[in-house]
Amino acid sequence: MDVTTRGRAVTALAVRARLLW
């Protein structure tokens, strides 16, 4: 797995969590 892809996924989750919160 590429670090960029993983970082992107984590960032997306963080953004989603922020929007939900």
N, C-alpha and C. Protein backbone atom coordinates (compact mmCIF):
# COMPACT_ATOMS: atom_id res chain seq x y z
N MET A 1 0.85 -1.21 0.00
CA MET A 1 0.00 0.00 0.00
C MET A 1 0.88 1.25 0.00
N ASP A 2 0.47 2.22 -0.78
CA ASP A 2 1.27 3.46 -0.83
C ASP A 2 0.95 4.34 0.37
N VAL A 3 1.96 5.03 0.85
CA VAL A 3 1.76 5.91 2.01
C VAL A 3 0.80 7.04 1.64
N THR A 4 0.91 7.51 0.41
CA THR A 4 0.05 8.62 -0.02
C THR A 4 -1.42 8.20 0.00
N THR A 5 -1.68 7.01 -0.50
CA THR A 5 -3.07 6.51 -0.53
C THR A 5 -3.59 6.37 0.88
N ARG A 6 -2.75 5.83 1.76
CA ARG A 6 -3.18 5.64 3.14
C ARG A 6 -3.41 7.00 3.79
N GLY A 7 -2.50 7.93 3.58
CA GLY A 7 -2.64 9.27 4.15
C GLY A 7 -3.90 9.94 3.63
N ARG A 8 -4.16 9.72 2.35
CA ARG A 8 -5.36 10.34 1.75
C ARG A 8 -6.62 9.77 2.41
N ALA A 9 -6.63 8.45 2.62
CA ALA A 9 -7.78 7.80 3.24
C ALA A 9 -7.99 8.35 4.66
N VAL A 10 -6.89 8.44 5.40
CA VAL A 10 -6.97 8.96 6.77
C VAL A 10 -7.47 10.39 6.76
N THR A 11 -6.97 11.19 5.82
CA THR A 11 -7.41 12.59 5.73
C THR A 11 -8.90 12.66 5.43
N ALA A 12 -9.34 11.81 4.50
CA ALA A 12 -10.77 11.80 4.13
C ALA A 12 -11.61 11.44 5.36
N LEU A 13 -11.14 10.45 6.11
CA LEU A 13 -11.89 10.04 7.31
C LEU A 13 -11.92 11.18 8.32
N ALA A 14 -10.79 11.87 8.48
CA ALA A 14 -10.71 12.97 9.43
C ALA A 14 -11.68 14.09 9.01
N VAL A 15 -11.70 14.40 7.72
CA VAL A 15 -12.59 15.45 7.22
C VAL A 15 -14.04 15.03 7.44
N ARG A 16 -14.33 13.77 7.17
CA ARG A 16 -15.70 13.28 7.34
C ARG A 16 -16.10 13.36 8.81
N ALA A 17 -15.19 12.91 9.67
CA ALA A 17 -15.48 12.95 11.11
C ALA A 17 -15.72 14.39 11.55
N ARG A 18 -14.92 15.32 11.02
CA ARG A 18 -15.07 16.72 11.41
C ARG A 18 -16.43 17.24 10.96
N LEU A 19 -16.85 16.86 9.76
CA LEU A 19 -18.15 17.31 9.25
C LEU A 19 -19.27 16.71 10.09
N LEU A 20 -19.11 15.43 10.46
CA LEU A 20 -20.16 14.78 11.26
C LEU A 20 -20.21 15.39 12.65
N TRP A 21 -19.01 15.67 13.20
CA TRP A 21 -18.98 16.25 14.54
C TRP A 21 -19.41 17.71 14.48
